[in-house]
Amino acid sequence: PMRDVPQRLRWFSTLLPARRGDRILEVGCGNGALLELLALRLPRATLVGIDRSALQVRKATQRLATLPSPPRVYQL
């Protein structure tokens, strides 16, 4: 649900230049909101998120599951 994405994440997601073959790691990805924005904006990028919380990793995995190329999310 994109409406739950804070404005600061929407803004931040626009700062990264879109280049073919980008690899991006988000540390502390939480529920995956920024990864979702980046996946929609940079469909050819390799996106990976990590978080310490098993709950947040589950939430992020569920949130991203419907994307064509969902980012991978791991628990540390």
C-alpha atoms as a PDB file:
ATOM      1  CA  PRO A   1       0.000   0.000   0.000  1.00  0.00           C
ATOM      2  CA  MET A   2       1.777   3.073  -1.278  1.00  0.00           C
ATOM      3  CA  ARG A   3      -0.251   5.502   0.809  1.00  0.00           C
ATOM      4  CA  ASP A   4       1.594   4.410   3.945  1.00  0.00           C
ATOM      5  CA  VAL A   5       4.957   5.552   2.537  1.00  0.00           C
ATOM      6  CA  PRO A   6       6.357   8.590   4.369  1.00  0.00           C
ATOM      7  CA  GLN A   7       7.098  11.650   2.247  1.00  0.00           C
ATOM      8  CA  ARG A   8      10.788  11.521   3.218  1.00  0.00           C
ATOM      9  CA  LEU A   9      11.106   8.076   1.604  1.00  0.00           C
ATOM     10  CA  ARG A  10       9.287   9.247  -1.518  1.00  0.00           C
ATOM     11  CA  TRP A  11      11.718  12.172  -1.755  1.00  0.00           C
ATOM     12  CA  PHE A  12      14.802  10.047  -1.049  1.00  0.00           C
ATOM     13  CA  SER A  13      13.847   7.500  -3.702  1.00  0.00           C
ATOM     14  CA  THR A  14      14.080  10.231  -6.357  1.00  0.00           C
ATOM     15  CA  LEU A  15      17.688  11.114  -5.477  1.00  0.00           C
ATOM     16  CA  LEU A  16      19.295   7.975  -6.883  1.00  0.00           C
ATOM     17  CA  PRO A  17      20.204   8.220 -10.560  1.00  0.00           C
ATOM     18  CA  ALA A  18      18.642   5.491 -12.679  1.00  0.00           C
ATOM     19  CA  ARG A  19      21.427   3.453 -14.244  1.00  0.00           C
ATOM     20  CA  ARG A  20      21.267   0.063 -15.863  1.00  0.00           C
ATOM     21  CA  GLY A  21      22.583  -2.736 -13.668  1.00  0.00           C
ATOM     22  CA  ASP A  22      22.564  -0.827 -10.380  1.00  0.00           C
ATOM     23  CA  ARG A  23      22.947  -2.833  -7.179  1.00  0.00           C
ATOM     24  CA  ILE A  24      21.451  -1.280  -4.062  1.00  0.00           C
ATOM     25  CA  LEU A  25      21.532  -2.532  -0.472  1.00  0.00           C
ATOM     26  CA  GLU A  26      19.162  -1.016   2.076  1.00  0.00           C
ATOM     27  CA  VAL A  27      20.295  -1.584   5.656  1.00  0.00           C
ATOM     28  CA  GLY A  28      17.382  -1.466   8.101  1.00  0.00           C
ATOM     29  CA  CYS A  29      14.735  -1.849   5.406  1.00  0.00           C
ATOM     30  CA  GLY A  30      11.818  -2.143   7.844  1.00  0.00           C
ATOM     31  CA  ASN A  31       8.583  -2.942   6.051  1.00  0.00           C
ATOM     32  CA  GLY A  32      10.135  -2.516   2.595  1.00  0.00           C
ATOM     33  CA  ALA A  33       8.518   0.801   1.666  1.00  0.00           C
ATOM     34  CA  LEU A  34      11.684   2.323   0.188  1.00  0.00           C
ATOM     35  CA  LEU A  35      12.566  -0.919  -1.580  1.00  0.00           C
ATOM     36  CA  GLU A  36       9.113  -0.884  -3.148  1.00  0.00           C
ATOM     37  CA  LEU A  37       9.569   2.676  -4.422  1.00  0.00           C
ATOM     38  CA  LEU A  38      13.004   1.863  -5.780  1.00  0.00           C
ATOM     39  CA  ALA A  39      11.817  -1.351  -7.447  1.00  0.00           C
ATOM     40  CA  LEU A  40       9.077   0.552  -9.243  1.00  0.00           C
ATOM     41  CA  ARG A  41      11.449   3.328 -10.313  1.00  0.00           C
ATOM     42  CA  LEU A  42      14.477   1.161 -11.118  1.00  0.00           C
ATOM     43  CA  PRO A  43      13.082  -2.101 -12.517  1.00  0.00           C
ATOM     44  CA  ARG A  44      16.473  -3.338 -13.775  1.00  0.00           C
ATOM     45  CA  ALA A  45      18.313  -2.735 -10.501  1.00  0.00           C
ATOM     46  CA  THR A  46      19.261  -5.523  -8.121  1.00  0.00           C
ATOM     47  CA  LEU A  47      17.737  -4.547  -4.781  1.00  0.00           C
ATOM     48  CA  VAL A  48      18.426  -6.218  -1.448  1.00  0.00           C
ATOM     49  CA  GLY A  49      17.170  -5.247   1.982  1.00  0.00           C
ATOM     50  CA  ILE A  50      18.354  -6.398   5.394  1.00  0.00           C
ATOM     51  CA  ASP A  51      16.801  -5.901   8.804  1.00  0.00           C
ATOM     52  CA  ARG A  52      17.340  -7.296  12.296  1.00  0.00           C
ATOM     53  CA  SER A  53      13.635  -7.836  12.927  1.00  0.00           C
ATOM     54  CA  ALA A  54      12.051 -11.066  11.700  1.00  0.00           C
ATOM     55  CA  LEU A  55       8.651  -9.329  11.800  1.00  0.00           C
ATOM     56  CA  GLN A  56       9.833  -6.494   9.549  1.00  0.00           C
ATOM     57  CA  VAL A  57      11.452  -8.936   7.133  1.00  0.00           C
ATOM     58  CA  ARG A  58       8.125 -10.818   6.883  1.00  0.00           C
ATOM     59  CA  LYS A  59       6.240  -7.548   6.318  1.00  0.00           C
ATOM     60  CA  ALA A  60       8.709  -6.440   3.649  1.00  0.00           C
ATOM     61  CA  THR A  61       8.610  -9.825   1.917  1.00  0.00           C
ATOM     62  CA  GLN A  62       4.800  -9.721   1.814  1.00  0.00           C
ATOM     63  CA  ARG A  63       4.766  -6.114   0.616  1.00  0.00           C
ATOM     64  CA  LEU A  64       7.207  -6.802  -2.210  1.00  0.00           C
ATOM     65  CA  ALA A  65       5.849 -10.189  -3.312  1.00  0.00           C
ATOM     66  CA  THR A  66       3.522  -8.771  -5.983  1.00  0.00           C
ATOM     67  CA  LEU A  67       6.238  -6.794  -7.791  1.00  0.00           C
ATOM     68  CA  PRO A  68       7.446  -8.185 -11.133  1.00  0.00           C
ATOM     69  CA  SER A  69      11.031  -8.532  -9.824  1.00  0.00           C
ATOM     70  CA  PRO A  70      10.732  -8.324  -6.054  1.00  0.00           C
ATOM     71  CA  PRO A  71      13.795  -7.263  -4.071  1.00  0.00           C
ATOM     72  CA  ARG A  72      15.297  -9.887  -1.786  1.00  0.00           C
ATOM     73  CA  VAL A  73      14.996  -9.279   1.944  1.00  0.00           C
ATOM     74  CA  TYR A  74      17.068 -10.975   4.634  1.00  0.00           C
ATOM     75  CA  GLN A  75      17.180 -11.000   8.416  1.00  0.00           C
ATOM     76  CA  LEU A  76      20.518 -10.356  10.081  1.00  0.00           C
END
